[in-house]
Amino acid sequence: MPPVMIHISANFLMALVNAAARSLVLGCIVAAAIGTFHVKNARIKLFLWKGVLLAALAMPLLTLFSPAIQVAVPVPSFQERKAKAEGTITQPALPHETAPQMPTKKVPRADKHMQLETAGSPTTMRTA
């Protein structure tokens, strides 16, 4: 197959997947609305589901006229996957500013032989 045909078919499939995803979201919203408002009238339910069906059928055309909503999907890096398998993952670099330090606060202890301990320190006791 020529590269142009591959490009056209990939674009066509992406448009179909996009329309299917939007239709699914619309159907879920309508189902949640029917459940939330406890719609019991069959005519209203039928009207809503017909609307979802018509919107789903028109969705490929609606994607041409409606604004695009971009959803970022992270693409896994093979280097990160390899490093994860080897157990050599490093954390990303911290920003230049570090988190502010909590001020130390002197907390008196009950025993007179103990020194004052700071509130931010671990629970180990220091003796005089």
Protein backbone atom coordinates (compact mmCIF):
# COMPACT_ATOMS: atom_id res chain seq x y z
CA MET A 1 0.00 0.00 0.00
CA PRO A 2 1.33 3.45 -0.81
CA PRO A 3 2.17 5.74 2.13
CA VAL A 4 -0.61 8.16 1.13
CA MET A 5 -3.24 5.44 1.53
CA ILE A 6 -1.84 4.47 4.93
CA HIS A 7 -2.03 8.12 6.03
CA ILE A 8 -5.61 8.51 4.76
CA SER A 9 -6.77 5.28 6.38
CA ALA A 10 -5.13 6.21 9.69
CA ASN A 11 -6.84 9.62 9.66
CA PHE A 12 -10.18 8.00 8.82
CA LEU A 13 -9.87 5.51 11.65
CA MET A 14 -8.90 8.26 14.10
CA ALA A 15 -11.97 10.26 13.06
CA LEU A 16 -14.19 7.21 13.64
CA VAL A 17 -12.62 6.52 17.03
CA ASN A 18 -13.04 10.19 17.98
CA ALA A 19 -16.73 10.13 16.98
CA ALA A 20 -17.30 6.87 18.84
CA ALA A 21 -15.70 8.23 22.00
CA ARG A 22 -17.81 11.39 21.88
CA SER A 23 -20.95 9.32 21.33
CA LEU A 24 -20.09 7.10 24.26
CA VAL A 25 -19.57 10.11 26.52
CA LEU A 26 -22.88 11.60 25.38
CA GLY A 27 -24.66 8.30 26.08
CA CYS A 28 -23.14 8.11 29.55
CA ILE A 29 -24.23 11.68 30.31
CA VAL A 30 -27.80 10.93 29.21
CA ALA A 31 -27.87 7.67 31.21
CA ALA A 32 -26.62 9.50 34.30
CA ALA A 33 -29.24 12.24 33.81
CA ILE A 34 -32.02 9.66 33.46
CA GLY A 35 -30.86 7.91 36.61
CA THR A 36 -30.31 11.11 38.57
CA PHE A 37 -33.69 12.63 37.79
CA HIS A 38 -35.53 9.27 38.12
CA VAL A 39 -37.23 9.58 34.74
CA LYS A 40 -40.07 7.06 34.67
CA ASN A 41 -41.98 8.28 31.63
CA ALA A 42 -41.22 5.96 28.70
CA ARG A 43 -41.85 8.70 26.12
CA ILE A 44 -39.20 10.94 27.65
CA LYS A 45 -36.70 8.08 27.84
CA LEU A 46 -37.38 7.11 24.24
CA PHE A 47 -37.03 10.74 23.13
CA LEU A 48 -33.68 11.06 24.95
CA TRP A 49 -32.28 7.82 23.55
CA LYS A 50 -33.41 8.74 20.03
CA GLY A 51 -31.56 12.00 20.46
CA VAL A 52 -28.42 10.12 21.54
CA LEU A 53 -28.74 7.79 18.54
CA LEU A 54 -29.18 10.68 16.09
CA ALA A 55 -26.29 12.59 17.65
CA ALA A 56 -24.10 9.47 17.47
CA LEU A 57 -24.93 9.02 13.79
CA ALA A 58 -24.24 12.70 13.10
CA MET A 59 -21.08 12.79 15.23
CA PRO A 60 -18.61 12.39 12.33
CA LEU A 61 -20.13 15.50 10.73
CA LEU A 62 -20.37 17.30 14.05
CA THR A 63 -16.62 16.87 14.59
CA LEU A 64 -16.05 19.10 11.58
CA PHE A 65 -18.09 21.94 13.10
CA SER A 66 -17.64 21.53 16.84
CA PRO A 67 -14.48 22.66 18.63
CA ALA A 68 -11.86 20.01 19.24
CA ILE A 69 -11.16 18.95 22.80
CA GLN A 70 -7.60 17.82 23.16
CA VAL A 71 -6.94 15.07 25.71
CA ALA A 72 -3.32 14.42 26.54
CA VAL A 73 -2.49 10.73 26.59
CA PRO A 74 1.00 9.96 27.86
CA VAL A 75 3.03 7.74 25.58
CA PRO A 76 5.22 5.35 27.57
CA SER A 77 8.92 5.63 26.96
CA PHE A 78 10.73 2.39 26.26
CA GLN A 79 13.77 3.68 28.14
CA GLU A 80 11.69 4.30 31.26
CA ARG A 81 10.11 0.84 30.93
CA LYS A 82 13.56 -0.76 30.59
CA ALA A 83 14.87 1.19 33.59
CA LYS A 84 11.81 0.18 35.61
CA ALA A 85 12.41 -3.48 34.77
CA GLU A 86 16.04 -3.14 35.84
CA GLY A 87 15.11 -1.24 38.99
CA THR A 88 17.24 1.79 38.17
CA ILE A 89 14.56 4.45 37.97
CA THR A 90 15.60 7.87 39.14
CA GLN A 91 13.21 10.53 40.29
CA PRO A 92 12.88 13.65 38.15
CA ALA A 93 14.92 16.62 39.23
CA LEU A 94 13.38 18.81 41.88
CA PRO A 95 12.57 22.38 40.98
CA HIS A 96 15.09 25.03 41.96
CA GLU A 97 13.04 26.07 44.93
CA THR A 98 12.79 23.53 47.70
CA ALA A 99 9.86 23.16 50.03
CA PRO A 100 9.91 25.62 52.92
CA GLN A 101 11.21 24.24 56.18
CA MET A 102 8.82 24.15 59.11
CA PRO A 103 10.01 26.31 61.99
CA THR A 104 11.24 24.32 64.93
CA LYS A 105 9.19 24.71 68.03
CA LYS A 106 10.46 23.86 71.48
CA VAL A 107 8.20 21.36 73.22
CA PRO A 108 8.83 20.81 76.94
CA ARG A 109 8.96 17.21 78.10
CA ALA A 110 7.66 15.90 81.41
CA ASP A 111 10.90 14.42 82.68
CA LYS A 112 13.38 16.90 84.17
CA HIS A 113 16.36 14.87 82.95
CA MET A 114 15.27 15.28 79.34
CA GLN A 115 16.29 18.21 77.20
CA LEU A 116 13.86 20.20 75.11
CA GLU A 117 13.04 18.45 71.87
CA THR A 118 12.00 20.14 68.64
CA ALA A 119 8.50 19.45 67.32
CA GLY A 120 9.68 18.58 63.81
CA SER A 121 12.22 15.97 64.92
CA PRO A 122 11.55 12.23 65.13
CA THR A 123 10.23 10.73 68.34
CA THR A 124 13.63 9.64 69.65
CA MET A 125 14.35 10.97 73.12
CA ARG A 126 17.54 12.82 73.92
CA THR A 127 18.93 12.48 77.41
CA ALA A 128 21.07 15.02 79.22
